[in-house]
């Protein structure tokens, strides 16, 4: 088999738990066998091969940036964007493959064949971003884009096999595979980005085959606005983060907890930002996106109309998959908009009287993927960072911490497990194997661990403990092991 053949397998999928549009269980099994066979050749572990694949991935993004922008525009009405941001990870993710041989060392070895299940809200980022780490670590990968972004998935089908090694990539055209079918197979790792419901099913399916997982799950990301902050800058940054891509993001602020003293000013500033960003009619703006499908529209509309009071926006046009950027006030914790994940351009604004009340409110909920805090008071920022738990934290801005390749990105608790980005992507798709390299020169000392255990052995072990500090570590370990066999307390020897 040529080096790299079936290195990357691309497929679309239906939603987890729903009937597959088409199922090809035998073909799924065959594709996995081919990927495993390719991995067994050892070609993916060569440093030169990994670097070549990463450089090809960078070249693909650069040469076809307009194609990706066009596909994202047709799927999500994204009107601009730089997909080449992924290229920055190329220089960060690939560590030195050689390690100085020593008595003790840790060797990073590839896991094998991994499954990457991207989400529809950022299909390029969440498919190719993890792929960078998988390739750098020396794995084979099966990529499963979302069926909701079919144009982007089709473009990945067409381009990836052409760039990742001339013979790599098993191209699948016009076949849609069910997520459940893939998860029934034995992969060496599963990387999943999506909502908590599907994430739970992925974890359960992977557990049946003892497959480790990385889960990046959506949730209710809180955004606290203190009375001591720059309201204008705060409103701009929150509005950009919430309404970018029509609110379809796992890292956008889901709701605002603002101090009661600044609520009126904040809502007014948010309205001004929407006018500045999208004009008097966001429907006509080329900078405002559309919802991915009618199901998401109907779900978001139902929650919107049964929660709080609309301060601005609220219009829904199903035929255009359009929901106007909406700000809700007078929202309470029991409203539907606060009980479910929201992938849409809706921002609920709640009020609190004190910082303690805000921290208590956040800690009552499931642990979020992100916590955001806006304040010019460093003590307020410090308290929110240390007294709440989340996958990531950002002060006086939003979303940016999730794109910093030098920082790990992932969830905790209900928002997921594991992380990736830069070097952390390499670690996510590697096994850190502990290695001890020893010779047989000191058998005259180590023979003391062998039975029978007599007084002479104990005397020799006491002498061994007086050796140099450099050797003291392993000598004491040896002594402790022998004493366990003899059932003698450590203090009796010294």
Protein backbone atom coordinates (compact mmCIF):
# COMPACT_ATOMS: atom_id res chain seq x y z
CA UNK A 1 0.00 0.00 0.00
CA UNK A 2 1.47 3.42 -0.93
CA UNK A 3 2.49 5.68 1.90
CA UNK A 4 -0.48 7.75 2.99
CA UNK A 5 -3.14 5.81 1.12
CA UNK A 6 -6.43 6.19 3.02
CA UNK A 7 -4.66 8.50 5.44
CA UNK A 8 -7.69 10.76 5.55
CA UNK A 9 -11.23 9.57 4.96
CA UNK A 10 -13.96 12.16 4.50
CA UNK A 11 -17.65 11.59 4.92
CA UNK A 12 -20.86 13.44 5.71
CA UNK A 13 -23.14 12.34 8.50
CA UNK A 14 -26.67 12.62 9.75
CA UNK A 15 -27.52 13.71 13.25
CA UNK A 16 -26.70 11.24 15.93
CA UNK A 17 -29.64 9.07 16.89
CA UNK A 18 -31.64 9.69 13.69
CA UNK A 19 -32.06 7.24 10.81
CA UNK A 20 -29.28 7.43 8.25
CA UNK A 21 -30.14 8.74 4.82
CA UNK A 22 -27.92 6.00 3.44
CA UNK A 23 -26.01 3.35 5.31
CA UNK A 24 -23.02 1.40 4.12
CA UNK A 25 -21.88 -0.61 7.14
CA UNK A 26 -19.62 -2.91 5.13
CA UNK A 27 -17.99 0.05 3.42
CA UNK A 28 -17.50 1.78 6.79
CA UNK A 29 -15.73 -1.30 8.10
CA UNK A 30 -13.64 -1.57 4.94
CA UNK A 31 -12.59 2.09 5.12
CA UNK A 32 -11.52 1.71 8.73
CA UNK A 33 -9.51 -1.43 7.85
CA UNK A 34 -7.76 0.45 5.07
CA UNK A 35 -6.92 3.34 7.39
CA UNK A 36 -5.55 0.97 10.01
CA UNK A 37 -3.49 -0.83 7.39
CA UNK A 38 -2.06 2.49 6.22
CA UNK A 39 -1.14 3.36 9.78
CA UNK A 40 0.55 0.00 10.29
CA UNK A 41 2.97 0.76 7.44
CA UNK A 42 4.56 3.34 9.74
CA UNK A 43 4.77 6.04 7.09
CA UNK A 44 2.71 8.53 9.11
CA UNK A 45 5.22 8.45 11.96
CA UNK A 46 8.05 9.88 9.85
CA UNK A 47 8.76 13.51 10.64
CA UNK A 48 9.27 14.39 6.99
CA UNK A 49 5.89 12.89 6.06
CA UNK A 50 4.05 14.78 8.79
CA UNK A 51 5.66 18.09 7.83
CA UNK A 52 4.82 17.49 4.17
CA UNK A 53 1.14 16.87 5.01
CA UNK A 54 0.93 19.98 7.20
CA UNK A 55 2.54 22.10 4.48
CA UNK A 56 0.08 20.67 1.95
CA UNK A 57 -2.82 21.54 4.26
CA UNK A 58 -1.56 25.12 4.54
CA UNK A 59 -1.19 25.29 0.76
CA UNK A 60 -4.72 23.98 0.24
CA UNK A 61 -6.19 26.66 2.49
CA UNK A 62 -4.17 29.39 0.81
CA UNK A 63 -4.92 28.36 -2.76
CA UNK A 64 -8.63 27.75 -2.18
CA UNK A 65 -9.50 30.40 0.37
CA UNK A 66 -12.08 31.92 -1.98
CA UNK A 67 -13.68 28.50 -2.47
CA UNK A 68 -14.01 28.02 1.29
CA UNK A 69 -15.46 31.51 1.72
CA UNK A 70 -17.96 30.77 -1.06
CA UNK A 71 -18.97 27.41 0.48
CA UNK A 72 -19.38 28.96 3.92
CA UNK A 73 -21.43 31.73 2.35
CA UNK A 74 -23.81 29.22 0.79
CA UNK A 75 -24.09 27.18 3.99
CA UNK A 76 -24.22 29.93 6.61
CA UNK A 77 -24.30 33.21 4.66
CA UNK A 78 -20.83 34.00 5.96
CA UNK A 79 -19.70 36.93 3.87
CA UNK A 80 -16.01 37.01 4.72
CA UNK A 81 -13.47 35.20 6.77
CA UNK A 82 -9.88 34.05 6.92
CA UNK A 83 -9.72 30.29 6.96
CA UNK A 84 -5.93 30.52 6.74
CA UNK A 85 -5.83 31.24 10.46
CA UNK A 86 -5.38 27.50 10.75
CA UNK A 87 -1.99 27.92 9.15
CA UNK A 88 -0.68 29.54 12.33
CA UNK A 89 -1.03 26.21 14.11
CA UNK A 90 1.41 24.59 11.68
CA UNK A 91 4.42 26.26 13.26
CA UNK A 92 3.20 25.78 16.82
CA UNK A 93 1.88 22.25 16.85
CA UNK A 94 4.87 20.30 15.57
CA UNK A 95 7.41 19.68 18.33
CA UNK A 96 10.84 18.15 18.05
CA UNK A 97 10.48 14.44 17.39
CA UNK A 98 13.84 13.50 18.84
CA UNK A 99 14.51 13.12 22.55
CA UNK A 100 17.91 12.90 24.22
CA UNK A 101 18.30 9.34 25.44
CA UNK A 102 18.44 9.20 29.19
CA UNK A 103 17.62 6.77 31.97
CA UNK A 104 14.04 8.09 32.07
CA UNK A 105 12.16 9.61 29.17
CA UNK A 106 8.67 10.10 27.78
CA UNK A 107 8.00 9.15 24.17
CA UNK A 108 4.99 10.58 22.33
CA UNK A 109 3.58 7.99 19.98
CA UNK A 110 0.57 8.29 17.63
CA UNK A 111 -2.69 6.74 18.78
CA UNK A 112 -3.53 5.17 15.41
CA UNK A 113 -6.71 5.91 13.45
CA UNK A 114 -8.77 8.78 14.86
CA UNK A 115 -12.29 9.99 14.08
CA UNK A 116 -12.86 13.78 13.87
CA UNK A 117 -16.51 14.83 13.98
CA UNK A 118 -16.85 18.53 13.18
CA UNK A 119 -19.83 20.77 13.86
CA UNK A 120 -21.88 22.80 11.42
CA UNK A 121 -21.39 26.22 13.05
CA UNK A 122 -17.68 26.37 12.10
CA UNK A 123 -17.20 23.45 9.70
CA UNK A 124 -13.73 24.36 8.42
CA UNK A 125 -12.26 25.31 11.79
CA UNK A 126 -13.55 22.27 13.65
CA UNK A 127 -12.63 19.78 10.93
CA UNK A 128 -9.22 20.98 9.83
CA UNK A 129 -8.08 22.42 13.17
CA UNK A 130 -8.02 19.03 14.95
CA UNK A 131 -6.68 17.43 11.76
CA UNK A 132 -3.51 19.51 12.10
CA UNK A 133 -2.82 17.92 15.50
CA UNK A 134 -3.75 14.44 14.29
CA UNK A 135 -1.32 14.65 11.37
CA UNK A 136 1.45 16.22 13.46
CA UNK A 137 1.17 13.38 15.97
CA UNK A 138 1.46 10.79 13.17
CA UNK A 139 -2.11 9.46 13.04
CA UNK A 140 -4.47 8.47 10.28
CA UNK A 141 -7.76 10.38 10.43
CA UNK A 142 -11.37 9.92 9.40
CA UNK A 143 -13.11 13.29 9.07
CA UNK A 144 -16.89 13.44 9.42
CA UNK A 145 -18.25 16.91 8.54
CA UNK A 146 -21.81 17.87 9.39
CA UNK A 147 -24.51 17.24 6.82
CA UNK A 148 -25.99 20.66 7.61
CA UNK A 149 -23.11 22.41 5.81
CA UNK A 150 -23.18 20.32 2.66
CA UNK A 151 -21.35 22.81 0.42
CA UNK A 152 -18.38 23.01 2.77
CA UNK A 153 -18.39 19.22 3.24
CA UNK A 154 -18.39 18.71 -0.54
CA UNK A 155 -15.47 21.09 -0.93
CA UNK A 156 -13.49 19.19 1.72
CA UNK A 157 -14.30 15.93 -0.10
CA UNK A 158 -12.90 17.36 -3.30
CA UNK A 159 -9.81 19.17 -2.05
CA UNK A 160 -8.33 17.16 0.81
CA UNK A 161 -7.44 14.05 -1.26
CA UNK A 162 -5.74 16.32 -3.79
CA UNK A 163 -3.40 17.91 -1.26
CA UNK A 164 -2.62 15.43 1.51
CA UNK A 165 -0.10 13.27 -0.33
CA UNK A 166 -0.93 12.67 -3.97
CA UNK A 167 -2.32 9.21 -3.20
CA UNK A 168 -3.82 9.94 0.20
CA UNK A 169 -7.47 10.47 0.99
CA UNK A 170 -10.15 7.95 0.17
CA UNK A 171 -12.68 10.09 -1.63
CA UNK A 172 -16.35 9.39 -0.95
CA UNK A 173 -18.83 11.15 -3.21
CA UNK A 174 -22.56 11.31 -2.62
CA UNK A 175 -22.59 8.93 0.33
CA UNK A 176 -23.84 9.99 3.73
CA UNK A 177 -22.80 7.91 6.70
CA UNK A 178 -24.56 7.84 10.05
CA UNK A 179 -22.56 8.93 13.11
CA UNK A 180 -23.81 5.93 15.06
CA UNK A 181 -22.36 3.59 12.45
CA UNK A 182 -18.92 5.16 12.72
CA UNK A 183 -19.05 5.03 16.51
CA UNK A 184 -19.83 1.33 16.46
CA UNK A 185 -16.40 0.79 14.95
CA UNK A 186 -13.21 0.67 16.99
CA UNK A 187 -11.23 3.88 16.55
CA UNK A 188 -8.22 4.80 18.62
CA UNK A 189 -9.60 8.23 19.52
CA UNK A 190 -12.77 10.25 18.81
CA UNK A 191 -12.75 14.05 18.61
CA UNK A 192 -16.24 15.57 18.70
CA UNK A 193 -17.56 19.13 18.61
CA UNK A 194 -21.29 19.70 19.07
CA UNK A 195 -24.09 19.95 21.60
CA UNK A 196 -24.32 18.13 24.91
CA UNK A 197 -27.03 15.71 23.82
CA UNK A 198 -25.00 14.36 20.92
CA UNK A 199 -21.83 14.54 22.97
CA UNK A 200 -23.40 12.27 25.58
CA UNK A 201 -24.25 9.70 22.90
CA UNK A 202 -20.73 9.88 21.48
CA UNK A 203 -19.23 9.29 24.94
CA UNK A 204 -21.53 6.33 25.62
CA UNK A 205 -20.81 4.72 22.26
CA UNK A 206 -17.05 5.24 22.67
CA UNK A 207 -17.13 3.79 26.17
CA UNK A 208 -18.43 0.48 24.81
CA UNK A 209 -15.18 0.02 22.88
CA UNK A 210 -12.95 1.73 25.50
CA UNK A 211 -12.19 4.50 23.02
CA UNK A 212 -10.84 7.75 24.51
CA UNK A 213 -12.64 10.93 23.49
CA UNK A 214 -12.14 14.67 23.27
CA UNK A 215 -15.47 16.47 23.60
CA UNK A 216 -15.96 20.19 22.90
CA UNK A 217 -19.59 20.83 23.85
CA UNK A 218 -21.80 23.87 23.68
CA UNK A 219 -23.50 25.32 26.73
CA UNK A 220 -24.65 28.52 28.41
CA UNK A 221 -21.63 30.84 28.38
CA UNK A 222 -22.19 33.66 30.91
CA UNK A 223 -20.98 37.21 30.40
CA UNK A 224 -20.75 39.44 33.48
CA UNK A 225 -20.77 43.23 33.03
CA UNK A 226 -19.65 45.17 36.07
CA UNK A 227 -20.69 48.73 36.91
CA UNK A 228 -17.01 49.67 36.57
CA UNK A 229 -16.37 49.20 32.85
CA UNK A 230 -16.22 51.02 29.55
CA UNK A 231 -19.82 50.55 28.41
CA UNK A 232 -19.18 51.51 24.78
CA UNK A 233 -16.27 49.10 24.26
CA UNK A 234 -18.05 46.39 26.27
CA UNK A 235 -21.20 46.62 24.15
CA UNK A 236 -19.21 46.50 20.91
CA UNK A 237 -17.29 43.42 21.89
CA UNK A 238 -20.31 41.57 23.25
CA UNK A 239 -22.45 42.43 20.21
CA UNK A 240 -19.73 41.29 17.81
CA UNK A 241 -19.23 37.99 19.65
CA UNK A 242 -22.94 37.21 20.06
CA UNK A 243 -24.20 38.15 16.58
CA UNK A 244 -21.24 37.09 14.44
CA UNK A 245 -22.30 34.17 12.21
CA UNK A 246 -25.88 34.88 13.30
CA UNK A 247 -25.06 33.68 16.81
CA UNK A 248 -24.19 30.16 15.66
CA UNK A 249 -21.12 29.54 17.78
CA UNK A 250 -20.20 27.33 20.73
CA UNK A 251 -18.04 30.11 22.25
CA UNK A 252 -20.34 33.14 21.93
CA UNK A 253 -21.76 34.74 25.12
CA UNK A 254 -25.14 33.10 25.75
CA UNK A 255 -26.46 35.61 28.24
CA UNK A 256 -25.41 38.79 30.01
CA UNK A 257 -25.41 39.21 33.78
CA UNK A 258 -25.09 42.95 34.24
CA UNK A 259 -25.09 45.05 37.38
CA UNK A 260 -28.48 46.66 37.83
CA UNK A 261 -26.92 50.13 37.75
CA UNK A 262 -25.67 49.73 34.16
CA UNK A 263 -28.51 47.77 32.55
CA UNK A 264 -30.17 50.75 30.85
CA UNK A 265 -26.90 52.11 29.49
CA UNK A 266 -25.74 48.69 28.34
CA UNK A 267 -28.97 47.89 26.45
CA UNK A 268 -28.86 51.32 24.81
CA UNK A 269 -25.23 50.79 23.80
CA UNK A 270 -26.02 47.33 22.40
CA UNK A 271 -28.80 48.81 20.26
CA UNK A 272 -26.38 51.41 18.92
CA UNK A 273 -23.87 48.68 18.07
CA UNK A 274 -26.46 46.73 16.10
CA UNK A 275 -27.32 49.84 14.14
CA UNK A 276 -23.62 50.52 13.54
CA UNK A 277 -22.83 46.93 12.53
CA UNK A 278 -25.88 45.99 10.44
CA UNK A 279 -27.81 49.19 9.72
CA UNK A 280 -31.48 49.90 10.33
CA UNK A 281 -32.50 46.65 8.59
CA UNK A 282 -30.04 43.78 9.31
CA UNK A 283 -31.90 41.68 6.76
CA UNK A 284 -30.37 43.83 4.02
CA UNK A 285 -26.89 43.82 5.53
CA UNK A 286 -24.20 41.80 3.76
CA UNK A 287 -22.45 41.45 7.11
CA UNK A 288 -25.20 39.51 8.85
CA UNK A 289 -25.50 35.74 8.43
CA UNK A 290 -28.39 33.30 8.15
CA UNK A 291 -29.44 30.27 10.14
CA UNK A 292 -28.22 26.91 8.90
CA UNK A 293 -31.66 25.28 8.58
CA UNK A 294 -35.33 25.61 9.44
CA UNK A 295 -35.13 23.30 12.44
CA UNK A 296 -32.67 25.61 14.21
CA UNK A 297 -34.82 28.62 13.22
CA UNK A 298 -38.01 27.13 14.66
CA UNK A 299 -36.29 26.01 17.85
CA UNK A 300 -34.74 29.45 18.41
CA UNK A 301 -37.96 31.28 17.53
CA UNK A 302 -40.00 29.24 20.00
CA UNK A 303 -37.58 30.00 22.83
CA UNK A 304 -37.38 33.68 21.83
CA UNK A 305 -41.12 34.25 21.80
CA UNK A 306 -41.64 32.58 25.18
CA UNK A 307 -38.87 34.42 27.04
CA UNK A 308 -38.57 37.93 28.47
CA UNK A 309 -39.34 41.08 26.51
CA UNK A 310 -37.91 41.98 23.10
CA UNK A 311 -35.92 45.21 23.38
CA UNK A 312 -34.78 45.15 19.75
CA UNK A 313 -35.14 42.69 16.86
CA UNK A 314 -37.34 39.61 17.14
CA UNK A 315 -38.29 39.35 13.46
CA UNK A 316 -38.25 35.85 11.91
CA UNK A 317 -38.53 35.05 8.18
CA UNK A 318 -38.45 31.29 7.70
CA UNK A 319 -38.22 31.41 3.91
CA UNK A 320 -34.92 33.30 4.16
CA UNK A 321 -33.67 31.42 7.23
CA UNK A 322 -33.46 34.83 8.89
CA UNK A 323 -33.73 35.83 12.54
CA UNK A 324 -33.01 39.46 13.30
CA UNK A 325 -30.35 40.22 15.93
CA UNK A 326 -32.39 40.28 19.11
CA UNK A 327 -31.86 41.59 22.62
CA UNK A 328 -34.16 40.33 25.37
CA UNK A 329 -34.74 42.08 28.70
CA UNK A 330 -36.79 41.14 31.77
CA UNK A 331 -35.54 37.59 31.39
CA UNK A 332 -35.75 35.22 34.36
CA UNK A 333 -33.83 32.03 35.05
CA UNK A 334 -36.83 29.79 34.32
CA UNK A 335 -37.45 31.18 30.81
CA UNK A 336 -36.89 28.67 27.96
CA UNK A 337 -34.06 30.82 26.56
CA UNK A 338 -32.14 30.17 29.79
CA UNK A 339 -32.84 26.44 29.92
CA UNK A 340 -31.45 25.35 26.56
CA UNK A 341 -28.45 25.96 24.31
CA UNK A 342 -29.11 28.80 21.87
CA UNK A 343 -27.48 28.73 18.45
CA UNK A 344 -28.98 31.93 17.13
CA UNK A 345 -28.74 35.74 17.26
CA UNK A 346 -30.51 36.20 20.58
CA UNK A 347 -28.95 37.81 23.66
CA UNK A 348 -30.83 37.69 26.98
CA UNK A 349 -29.89 40.39 29.51
CA UNK A 350 -30.38 39.63 33.23
CA UNK A 351 -29.52 41.85 36.18
CA UNK A 352 -27.76 41.22 39.49
CA UNK A 353 -27.21 43.50 42.45
CA UNK A 354 -23.75 42.33 43.49
CA UNK A 355 -20.74 40.43 42.22
CA UNK A 356 -21.46 37.69 44.77
CA UNK A 357 -24.92 37.25 43.28
CA UNK A 358 -23.42 36.90 39.79
CA UNK A 359 -20.89 34.29 40.95
CA UNK A 360 -23.62 32.34 42.73
CA UNK A 361 -25.82 32.41 39.62
CA UNK A 362 -23.01 31.15 37.39
CA UNK A 363 -22.04 28.39 39.81
CA UNK A 364 -25.65 27.14 40.01
CA UNK A 365 -25.53 26.24 36.32
CA UNK A 366 -23.58 23.48 34.60
CA UNK A 367 -19.93 24.32 34.00
CA UNK A 368 -19.76 26.35 30.76
CA UNK A 369 -17.28 26.24 27.92
CA UNK A 370 -16.45 29.94 28.45
CA UNK A 371 -16.90 32.64 31.09
CA UNK A 372 -16.57 36.29 30.12
CA UNK A 373 -16.13 39.25 32.48
CA UNK A 374 -16.06 42.96 31.70
CA UNK A 375 -14.70 45.24 34.40
CA UNK A 376 -11.96 47.81 34.92
CA UNK A 377 -11.54 46.50 38.47
CA UNK A 378 -8.83 43.84 38.58
CA UNK A 379 -10.22 42.41 41.82
CA UNK A 380 -13.57 41.74 40.13
CA UNK A 381 -11.82 39.96 37.26
CA UNK A 382 -9.69 37.95 39.67
CA UNK A 383 -12.70 36.80 41.68
CA UNK A 384 -14.67 35.70 38.63
CA UNK A 385 -11.67 33.84 37.24
CA UNK A 386 -10.90 32.04 40.52
CA UNK A 387 -14.40 31.50 41.94
CA UNK A 388 -16.07 30.07 38.83
CA UNK A 389 -15.19 26.97 36.82
CA UNK A 390 -15.24 26.85 33.02
CA UNK A 391 -13.36 25.52 30.03
CA UNK A 392 -11.86 28.96 29.39
CA UNK A 393 -12.01 32.52 30.71
CA UNK A 394 -11.61 35.90 29.06
CA UNK A 395 -11.73 39.36 30.59
CA UNK A 396 -12.86 42.48 28.73
CA UNK A 397 -13.32 40.63 25.44
CA UNK A 398 -15.06 37.55 24.07
CA UNK A 399 -14.22 34.53 21.89
CA UNK A 400 -10.55 35.47 21.39
CA UNK A 401 -9.25 33.02 23.99
CA UNK A 402 -10.67 30.20 21.87
CA UNK A 403 -8.50 31.05 18.86
CA UNK A 404 -5.18 31.58 20.65
CA UNK A 405 -3.11 28.60 19.48
CA UNK A 406 -0.80 28.97 22.47
CA UNK A 407 -3.68 28.25 24.85
CA UNK A 408 -5.47 24.91 25.21
CA UNK A 409 -9.14 25.05 24.29
CA UNK A 410 -11.66 22.60 25.72
CA UNK A 411 -14.43 22.10 28.21
CA UNK A 412 -14.87 20.87 31.75
CA UNK A 413 -17.76 18.97 33.28
CA UNK A 414 -20.87 19.31 31.14
CA UNK A 415 -19.00 21.40 28.56
CA UNK A 416 -16.69 18.57 27.58
CA UNK A 417 -13.38 16.87 28.30
CA UNK A 418 -9.92 17.16 26.85
CA UNK A 419 -8.49 20.10 24.91
CA UNK A 420 -6.62 21.00 21.75
CA UNK A 421 -4.82 23.89 19.94
CA UNK A 422 -1.17 24.14 19.04
CA UNK A 423 1.04 21.81 21.07
CA UNK A 424 -2.05 20.68 22.99
CA UNK A 425 -3.47 19.24 19.75
CA UNK A 426 -0.33 17.15 19.37
CA UNK A 427 -0.77 15.92 22.95
CA UNK A 428 -4.49 15.19 22.41
CA UNK A 429 -3.70 12.77 19.59
CA UNK A 430 -0.62 11.21 21.20
CA UNK A 431 0.08 8.67 23.91
CA UNK A 432 2.82 9.75 26.29
CA UNK A 433 4.66 6.52 26.92
CA UNK A 434 6.90 6.33 30.00
CA UNK A 435 10.21 4.65 29.20
CA UNK A 436 13.04 3.51 31.48
CA UNK A 437 16.29 2.56 29.74
CA UNK A 438 18.52 0.40 31.93
CA UNK A 439 21.54 -1.81 31.60
CA UNK A 440 22.67 -4.79 33.68
CA UNK A 441 25.77 -3.26 35.23
CA UNK A 442 24.44 -3.02 38.79
CA UNK A 443 23.03 -6.48 39.27
CA UNK A 444 25.36 -6.86 42.25
CA UNK A 445 23.15 -4.34 44.04
CA UNK A 446 19.74 -4.96 42.50
CA UNK A 447 19.93 -8.65 43.29
CA UNK A 448 18.88 -7.65 46.82
CA UNK A 449 15.28 -7.50 45.64
CA UNK A 450 15.28 -11.24 45.03
CA UNK A 451 14.26 -13.72 47.74
CA UNK A 452 15.10 -15.28 50.12
CA UNK A 453 15.14 -12.15 52.38
CA UNK A 454 17.65 -12.50 55.26
CA UNK A 455 19.36 -10.20 57.77
CA UNK A 456 22.35 -9.89 55.46
CA UNK A 457 20.12 -8.47 52.74
CA UNK A 458 18.75 -5.87 55.16
CA UNK A 459 22.27 -4.82 56.14
CA UNK A 460 23.26 -4.40 52.54
CA UNK A 461 20.14 -2.38 51.85
CA UNK A 462 20.99 -0.05 54.73
CA UNK A 463 24.41 0.44 53.19
CA UNK A 464 22.85 1.13 49.79
CA UNK A 465 20.89 4.01 51.27
CA UNK A 466 24.17 5.81 52.02
CA UNK A 467 25.05 6.06 48.32
CA UNK A 468 25.30 9.36 46.51
CA UNK A 469 22.29 11.66 46.19
CA UNK A 470 22.11 10.85 42.47
CA UNK A 471 21.52 7.18 43.15
CA UNK A 472 19.46 7.65 46.29
CA UNK A 473 16.14 7.77 44.45
CA UNK A 474 16.24 4.33 42.93
CA UNK A 475 17.91 2.83 45.97
CA UNK A 476 15.12 3.97 48.26
CA UNK A 477 12.51 2.68 45.83
CA UNK A 478 14.26 -0.69 45.83
CA UNK A 479 14.39 -0.74 49.62
CA UNK A 480 10.71 0.16 49.95
CA UNK A 481 9.73 -2.67 47.60
CA UNK A 482 11.75 -5.22 49.58
CA UNK A 483 10.41 -3.98 52.90
CA UNK A 484 6.89 -4.43 51.64
CA UNK A 485 7.68 -8.07 51.00
CA UNK A 486 9.22 -8.37 54.47
CA UNK A 487 6.30 -6.45 56.02
CA UNK A 488 8.75 -4.28 57.97
CA UNK A 489 8.14 -0.58 58.68
CA UNK A 490 10.45 1.86 56.88
CA UNK A 491 11.60 3.46 60.15
CA UNK A 492 13.10 0.18 61.41
CA UNK A 493 15.84 0.39 58.80
CA UNK A 494 16.98 3.96 59.48
